[in-house]
Protein backbone atom coordinates (compact mmCIF):
# COMPACT_ATOMS: atom_id res chain seq x y z
CA MET A 1 72.64 130.85 -112.03
CA SER A 2 73.17 132.88 -108.89
CA GLN A 3 70.36 133.52 -106.39
CA TRP A 4 71.66 137.12 -106.18
CA LYS A 5 71.56 139.81 -108.80
CA THR A 6 74.40 139.48 -111.32
CA THR A 7 76.19 141.96 -113.47
CA PRO A 8 76.65 141.36 -117.18
CA LEU A 9 80.22 140.21 -116.48
CA TYR A 10 79.10 137.34 -114.25
CA GLU A 11 80.05 134.58 -116.71
CA GLU A 12 83.48 136.41 -117.40
CA HIS A 13 84.16 136.38 -113.62
CA LYS A 14 83.54 132.60 -113.53
CA LEU A 15 85.83 132.02 -116.57
CA LEU A 16 88.57 134.03 -114.76
CA GLY A 17 88.21 131.70 -111.76
CA ALA A 18 86.95 134.41 -109.41
CA LYS A 19 85.76 133.61 -105.91
CA MET A 20 82.23 135.05 -105.68
CA ILE A 21 80.47 136.43 -102.58
CA PRO A 22 77.14 138.26 -102.02
CA PHE A 23 77.51 142.03 -101.66
CA GLY A 24 74.67 144.52 -101.49
CA GLY A 25 72.24 142.00 -103.00
CA TRP A 26 74.73 141.14 -105.80
CA ASP A 27 76.86 138.17 -106.60
CA MET A 28 80.30 139.83 -106.95
CA PRO A 29 83.92 138.67 -107.34
CA VAL A 30 85.92 139.08 -104.08
CA GLN A 31 89.23 138.02 -105.65
CA TYR A 32 90.77 136.43 -108.71
CA SER A 33 94.53 136.01 -108.27
CA GLY A 34 94.52 137.09 -104.59
CA ILE A 35 93.85 140.27 -102.68
CA ILE A 36 97.48 141.28 -102.17
CA ALA A 37 98.44 140.59 -105.85
CA GLU A 38 95.47 142.65 -107.08
CA HIS A 39 96.01 145.48 -104.51
CA THR A 40 99.69 145.68 -105.56
CA ALA A 41 98.87 145.67 -109.29
CA THR A 42 96.52 148.55 -108.77
CA ARG A 43 99.09 150.57 -106.82
CA GLN A 44 102.00 149.82 -109.16
CA ALA A 45 100.47 149.25 -112.54
CA ALA A 46 96.63 149.00 -113.06
CA GLY A 47 93.55 147.10 -111.94
CA LEU A 48 90.26 146.57 -113.71
CA PHE A 49 87.04 146.54 -111.53
CA ASP A 50 83.52 145.46 -112.30
CA VAL A 51 81.33 148.26 -110.77
CA SER A 52 78.19 147.53 -112.79
CA HIS A 53 76.28 146.98 -109.55
CA MET A 54 76.41 150.75 -109.06
CA GLY A 55 73.34 152.76 -110.03
CA GLU A 56 72.73 155.51 -112.58
CA ILE A 57 69.84 157.83 -112.01
CA PHE A 58 69.18 160.71 -114.54
CA ILE A 59 67.50 164.03 -113.82
CA GLU A 60 66.41 166.23 -116.73
CA GLY A 61 64.29 169.39 -116.88
CA GLN A 62 64.25 173.14 -116.79
CA ALA A 63 67.61 174.39 -115.59
CA ASP A 64 66.51 176.43 -112.56
CA ILE A 65 63.97 173.85 -111.43
CA ILE A 66 66.34 170.81 -111.42
CA LEU A 67 69.21 172.88 -109.91
CA GLY A 68 66.96 174.05 -107.06
CA PHE A 69 65.84 170.37 -106.55
CA LEU A 70 69.35 169.01 -106.41
CA GLU A 71 70.51 171.82 -104.02
CA SER A 72 67.53 170.97 -101.78
CA VAL A 73 68.47 167.27 -101.32
CA THR A 74 72.27 167.46 -101.22
CA CYS A 75 74.87 169.15 -99.01
CA ASN A 76 77.48 170.17 -101.51
CA SER A 77 77.13 173.16 -103.82
CA VAL A 78 75.65 171.91 -107.07
CA SER A 79 75.61 175.42 -108.58
CA SER A 80 79.37 175.45 -108.55
CA LEU A 81 79.45 172.56 -111.16
CA ALA A 82 80.59 173.23 -114.73
CA ASN A 83 79.40 171.16 -117.69
CA GLY A 84 81.45 167.97 -117.91
CA GLN A 85 82.31 168.11 -114.23
CA VAL A 86 81.74 165.37 -111.48
CA GLN A 87 81.12 166.21 -107.86
CA TYR A 88 81.34 164.10 -104.73
CA ASN A 89 78.20 164.85 -102.78
CA ALA A 90 75.67 163.28 -100.41
CA ILE A 91 71.89 163.10 -100.29
CA ILE A 92 70.65 164.13 -96.90
CA ASN A 93 67.55 162.56 -95.34
CA GLU A 94 64.86 164.25 -93.23
CA ASN A 95 66.83 163.60 -89.99
CA GLY A 96 70.06 165.02 -91.35
CA GLY A 97 71.64 161.53 -91.91
CA LEU A 98 72.78 160.16 -95.25
CA VAL A 99 70.53 158.51 -97.89
CA ASP A 100 73.78 157.90 -99.77
CA ASP A 101 77.04 159.42 -100.78
CA ILE A 102 77.02 159.92 -104.56
CA THR A 103 78.95 161.30 -107.55
CA LEU A 104 76.95 163.85 -109.49
CA TYR A 105 77.61 164.38 -113.16
CA LYS A 106 76.64 167.60 -114.88
CA PHE A 107 76.02 167.18 -118.59
CA ASN A 108 74.50 170.58 -119.02
CA ASP A 109 72.05 172.86 -117.23
CA GLN A 110 69.17 170.56 -118.10
CA LYS A 111 70.73 167.18 -117.45
CA TYR A 112 72.50 165.55 -114.50
CA MET A 113 73.37 161.95 -113.54
CA ILE A 114 73.63 160.52 -110.06
CA CYS A 115 75.90 157.54 -109.54
CA ALA A 116 74.60 155.81 -106.37
CA ASN A 117 75.93 152.87 -104.25
CA ALA A 118 74.75 149.44 -105.30
CA SER A 119 72.79 148.72 -102.05
CA ASN A 120 71.20 152.17 -102.06
CA VAL A 121 70.02 152.66 -105.67
CA ASP A 122 66.37 151.90 -104.91
CA SER A 123 66.39 153.98 -101.71
CA VAL A 124 67.95 156.94 -103.44
CA TYR A 125 65.43 156.72 -106.28
CA GLU A 126 62.46 156.38 -103.99
CA TYR A 127 63.65 159.31 -101.81
CA LEU A 128 64.20 161.60 -104.79
CA LYS A 129 60.80 160.58 -106.28
CA LYS A 130 59.22 161.97 -103.09
CA TYR A 131 60.59 165.47 -103.68
CA VAL A 132 61.19 165.89 -107.45
CA PRO A 133 59.17 168.60 -109.07
CA SER A 134 56.47 167.31 -111.36
CA SER A 135 58.03 169.14 -114.41
CA ALA A 136 61.31 167.32 -113.96
CA LYS A 137 62.06 163.85 -115.35
CA LEU A 138 63.64 161.50 -112.89
CA GLU A 139 64.69 158.06 -114.26
CA ASN A 140 66.47 155.11 -112.81
CA GLN A 141 68.45 153.79 -115.81
CA SER A 142 70.68 151.47 -113.85
CA VAL A 143 69.75 148.31 -115.78
CA SER A 144 70.76 149.93 -119.06
CA TRP A 145 74.19 151.04 -117.99
CA HIS A 146 77.35 149.06 -117.56
CA GLN A 147 80.22 150.43 -115.45
CA ILE A 148 83.85 149.32 -115.08
CA ALA A 149 86.79 151.11 -113.61
CA ILE A 150 90.47 151.05 -114.52
CA GLN A 151 92.67 152.36 -111.76
CA GLY A 152 96.41 152.72 -111.19
CA PRO A 153 99.46 154.68 -112.42
CA LYS A 154 99.36 152.99 -115.82
CA ALA A 155 95.56 153.40 -116.30
CA ASP A 156 95.81 156.46 -118.43
CA SER A 157 98.42 155.04 -120.83
CA ILE A 158 96.57 151.71 -121.20
CA LEU A 159 93.18 153.24 -121.76
CA SER A 160 94.55 155.92 -124.14
CA SER A 161 96.34 153.24 -126.18
CA TYR A 162 93.29 150.98 -126.22
CA PHE A 163 90.96 153.84 -127.42
CA LYS A 164 93.76 155.19 -129.70
CA SER A 165 93.10 158.59 -128.20
CA ASP A 166 95.05 160.82 -125.79
CA LEU A 167 92.89 160.99 -122.63
CA SER A 168 95.33 163.13 -120.58
CA HIS A 169 93.15 166.20 -121.22
CA ILE A 170 90.39 164.76 -119.06
CA GLY A 171 90.99 166.46 -115.66
CA TYR A 172 90.38 164.90 -112.29
CA TYR A 173 86.65 164.66 -111.54
CA LYS A 174 85.86 165.63 -115.14
CA PHE A 175 84.18 163.46 -117.82
CA VAL A 176 83.69 163.35 -121.57
CA LEU A 177 81.18 161.64 -123.95
CA PHE A 178 83.45 159.47 -126.19
CA PRO A 179 82.25 157.78 -129.47
CA PHE A 180 82.96 154.09 -129.37
CA ALA A 181 81.40 150.93 -130.92
CA GLY A 182 78.49 152.98 -132.35
CA GLU A 183 77.51 154.65 -129.10
CA GLU A 184 78.53 157.52 -126.80
CA ILE A 185 80.16 156.16 -123.70
CA ILE A 186 81.07 158.17 -120.63
CA LEU A 187 84.80 158.36 -119.72
CA SER A 188 85.13 159.84 -116.20
CA ARG A 189 88.42 160.45 -114.38
CA THR A 190 87.13 159.23 -111.03
CA GLY A 191 87.64 156.19 -108.82
CA TYR A 192 87.70 154.66 -105.45
CA THR A 193 91.28 153.57 -104.93
CA GLY A 194 93.34 156.73 -104.31
CA GLU A 195 94.98 156.13 -107.72
CA ASP A 196 94.57 157.89 -110.97
CA GLY A 197 92.13 156.16 -113.36
CA PHE A 198 88.77 156.12 -115.12
CA GLU A 199 85.21 154.90 -114.73
CA ILE A 200 83.74 153.79 -118.02
CA TYR A 201 79.94 153.94 -118.48
CA SER A 202 78.43 152.26 -121.53
CA SER A 203 75.71 149.84 -122.67
CA ASN A 204 75.92 146.35 -121.25
CA SER A 205 77.17 144.66 -124.45
CA THR A 206 79.85 147.31 -125.04
CA GLY A 207 80.93 147.13 -121.43
CA VAL A 208 81.56 143.38 -121.67
CA LYS A 209 83.51 143.92 -124.96
CA ILE A 210 85.70 146.65 -123.28
CA TRP A 211 86.36 144.47 -120.24
CA LYS A 212 87.47 141.46 -122.24
CA GLU A 213 89.58 143.46 -124.66
CA LEU A 214 91.14 145.70 -122.01
CA LEU A 215 92.26 142.75 -119.86
CA GLU A 216 94.07 141.23 -122.92
CA PHE A 217 95.30 144.64 -124.15
CA GLY A 218 96.80 145.64 -120.77
CA LYS A 219 98.16 142.31 -119.66
CA ASN A 220 101.74 143.05 -120.67
CA GLN A 221 101.61 146.25 -118.60
CA GLY A 222 100.56 144.46 -115.55
CA LEU A 223 96.81 145.03 -115.63
CA LEU A 224 94.81 142.63 -113.51
CA PRO A 225 91.13 142.09 -112.77
CA VAL A 226 90.40 143.23 -109.18
CA GLY A 227 87.69 142.04 -106.82
CA LEU A 228 85.92 143.53 -103.80
CA GLY A 229 88.63 142.33 -101.40
CA ALA A 230 91.38 144.56 -102.88
CA ARG A 231 88.81 147.29 -103.52
CA ASP A 232 88.22 147.41 -99.81
CA THR A 233 91.95 147.47 -98.83
CA LEU A 234 92.58 150.19 -101.48
CA ARG A 235 89.73 152.43 -100.33
CA ILE A 236 90.73 152.05 -96.66
CA GLU A 237 94.32 153.08 -97.48
CA ALA A 238 92.85 156.10 -99.32
CA LYS A 239 90.54 156.78 -96.29
CA TYR A 240 87.49 156.60 -98.47
CA PRO A 241 84.24 155.99 -96.57
CA LEU A 242 81.82 153.07 -97.41
CA TYR A 243 78.11 153.31 -96.87
CA GLY A 244 77.03 150.89 -94.15
CA HIS A 245 80.37 151.34 -92.39
CA GLU A 246 81.48 154.97 -92.07
CA LEU A 247 78.29 156.39 -93.59
CA ASP A 248 74.68 155.60 -92.67
CA GLU A 249 71.15 157.00 -92.33
CA ASN A 250 71.75 158.22 -88.71
CA ARG A 251 75.09 159.93 -89.09
CA SER A 252 75.58 163.42 -90.44
CA PRO A 253 78.18 164.22 -93.11
CA ASN A 254 80.35 165.95 -90.39
CA GLN A 255 80.25 162.91 -88.16
CA SER A 256 80.99 160.66 -91.17
CA GLY A 257 84.28 162.39 -91.96
CA ILE A 258 83.04 164.04 -95.16
CA GLY A 259 82.23 167.38 -93.60
CA TRP A 260 84.34 169.08 -96.28
CA ILE A 261 81.42 168.64 -98.74
CA VAL A 262 79.01 170.54 -96.39
CA LYS A 263 78.50 173.95 -97.89
CA GLU A 264 76.55 177.00 -96.93
CA LYS A 265 74.08 177.83 -99.65
CA GLN A 266 70.77 179.64 -100.31
CA THR A 267 68.67 176.59 -101.08
CA GLN A 268 68.57 174.63 -97.79
CA TYR A 269 68.63 170.83 -97.47
CA PRO A 270 67.14 168.91 -94.48
CA LYS A 271 68.50 169.88 -91.09
CA TYR A 272 70.57 172.55 -92.79
CA GLN A 273 71.09 174.88 -89.75
CA GLU A 274 72.02 172.00 -87.51
CA ILE A 275 74.51 170.53 -89.96
CA ILE A 276 76.11 173.95 -90.69
CA SER A 277 76.34 174.65 -86.94
CA GLU A 278 77.81 171.24 -86.25
CA LYS A 279 80.41 171.81 -88.95
CA LYS A 280 81.43 175.14 -87.40
CA GLU A 281 81.50 173.83 -83.81
CA GLY A 282 82.77 170.36 -84.65
CA PRO A 283 80.88 167.17 -83.99
CA LYS A 284 81.32 165.37 -80.67
CA ARG A 285 82.47 162.26 -82.59
CA LYS A 286 83.63 161.74 -86.12
CA ILE A 287 85.31 159.27 -88.40
CA VAL A 288 89.15 159.22 -88.35
CA ALA A 289 91.83 156.81 -89.49
CA PHE A 290 94.12 154.80 -87.23
CA GLU A 291 97.26 152.71 -87.60
CA LEU A 292 98.18 149.75 -85.41
CA GLN A 293 101.67 149.95 -83.88
CA GLU A 294 101.86 146.14 -83.30
CA ALA A 295 100.76 143.01 -85.08
CA GLY A 296 97.04 142.54 -85.56
CA VAL A 297 94.24 142.87 -88.07
CA PRO A 298 91.43 145.21 -87.00
CA ARG A 299 87.86 144.72 -88.27
CA GLU A 300 84.69 146.70 -87.86
CA ASN A 301 82.83 147.04 -84.49
CA MET A 302 85.92 146.73 -82.33
CA PRO A 303 86.17 149.01 -79.25
CA VAL A 304 88.61 151.98 -79.46
CA LEU A 305 90.20 152.87 -76.14
CA ASP A 306 92.38 155.71 -75.04
CA SER A 307 95.79 155.11 -73.53
CA ASN A 308 94.13 154.70 -70.06
CA GLY A 309 91.73 152.03 -71.32
CA LYS A 310 88.66 154.27 -71.49
CA ASN A 311 86.25 153.63 -74.41
CA ILE A 312 86.36 156.55 -76.83
CA GLY A 313 84.81 154.96 -79.95
CA ILE A 314 84.28 152.02 -82.25
CA THR A 315 85.97 150.87 -85.44
CA THR A 316 83.88 151.10 -88.67
CA SER A 317 86.39 149.47 -91.04
CA GLY A 318 89.69 147.64 -90.66
CA THR A 319 92.16 145.63 -92.65
CA PHE A 320 95.76 144.54 -93.10
CA SER A 321 97.25 147.12 -95.48
CA PRO A 322 99.25 145.39 -98.27
CA SER A 323 101.03 148.73 -98.96
CA LEU A 324 102.08 149.45 -95.37
CA LYS A 325 102.33 145.90 -94.13
CA LYS A 326 100.37 146.76 -90.95
CA GLY A 327 96.82 146.95 -89.61
CA ILE A 328 94.89 150.10 -90.40
CA GLY A 329 91.30 151.21 -90.31
CA LEU A 330 88.68 153.87 -89.80
CA ALA A 331 86.81 154.49 -86.54
CA LEU A 332 84.13 156.76 -85.04
CA VAL A 333 86.08 158.44 -82.24
CA ASP A 334 85.58 161.26 -79.62
CA SER A 335 86.73 164.43 -81.43
CA GLU A 336 88.81 165.64 -78.57
CA LYS A 337 91.06 162.60 -79.14
CA ILE A 338 91.65 163.37 -82.80
CA HIS A 339 95.16 164.51 -83.08
CA HIS A 340 97.74 162.97 -85.36
CA GLY A 341 99.88 160.49 -83.46
CA GLU A 342 97.52 160.32 -80.47
CA SER A 343 98.05 157.02 -78.67
CA ILE A 344 94.96 154.80 -78.62
CA GLN A 345 94.19 151.07 -78.35
CA ILE A 346 92.10 148.83 -80.58
CA GLU A 347 90.54 145.90 -78.72
CA ILE A 348 90.95 142.88 -81.03
CA ARG A 349 89.25 139.82 -79.74
CA GLY A 350 89.69 140.87 -76.11
CA GLN A 351 93.28 142.04 -76.48
CA ALA A 352 94.06 145.79 -76.41
CA LYS A 353 96.53 146.47 -79.29
CA SER A 354 98.47 149.79 -79.37
CA ALA A 355 97.59 152.14 -82.25
CA ILE A 356 97.79 155.82 -83.15
CA ILE A 357 95.27 158.24 -84.67
CA PHE A 358 96.41 158.88 -88.23
CA THR A 359 95.23 162.13 -89.78
CA GLN A 360 97.80 162.23 -92.60
CA SER A 361 97.69 160.32 -95.88
CA PHE A 362 98.51 156.56 -95.78
CA ILE A 363 99.58 156.81 -99.40
CA PRO A 364 101.47 159.95 -100.11
CA GLY A 365 100.57 161.45 -103.45
CA SER A 366 97.22 159.73 -103.45
CA ILE A 367 94.29 161.43 -105.14
CA ARG A 368 91.55 162.70 -102.94
CA LYS A 369 87.84 163.28 -103.70
CA ASN A 370 87.81 167.10 -103.83
């Protein structure tokens, strides 16, 4: 048995021959058939991901009380949510940094669910506990929930066929409660790859059943199990931030490259005026993507230089892109240098490699978290 926490799919991963690594306190599969094969399957057909290490925190209570509470700890506009809608949001700490970036699910006016990052579930729960009104019910139900994700252009057709139900009516960033195996599971059209797809929340036993059956069911359409390695290359191509890399407790949402979720609203969250002003004026530095113009594989914490060799930032994530066949990444860079095509250099093991700032999409037609 692993010294790390394990998901209910741990034995399945071993049976599939997965290479396991520690991640956020969990023993997780980094790859099965290989990162490039898994990445390509997700872009061209479909990939199946174990994301049961993510956390589910439920908030229930009187409508106006829990809405006011959620508005007071997050920077996006919770009041704009309709029932059955999901919202990309962030919980702001007392210093204006990020406790976590989350997806917020609205069941109805009296019930919401927060999906938190694996390494942050406890810190999110403890932070919310400090401020939640006594009349509201806050519950960390993470151990009771199983979560897998099916992503890719064939995800809808595979899942619809498996469930014998047309799922095309579920809009992007919407979810439904779906009766299956004697329970109500959550089918959410969300993901972390830049592709269409679903995240499936269920009990642990049902989640294992769906995982095993889906892999067999979707095999002839190219469905593969996908580990953390390809999850990372996919999310970097989609320019999705990762907590501990682009996002952290000391960086505001504007600096983190997710300033689009910062909204003006009546109920103010911590450092509200500073964050709103920073959004209007523009932060001095913020996260942006880059693309290498010569051979090399960037990683995090590499110096970013301008064309004259002056330090203008640091990389936060980097990889070899299987789709583009070149090195790409994300970096915290001086805002004045952020123009598409701006010539920069990434210092890789002491060698300055030519690169450009890349403000457009790496994967045209990709889905964005709006």
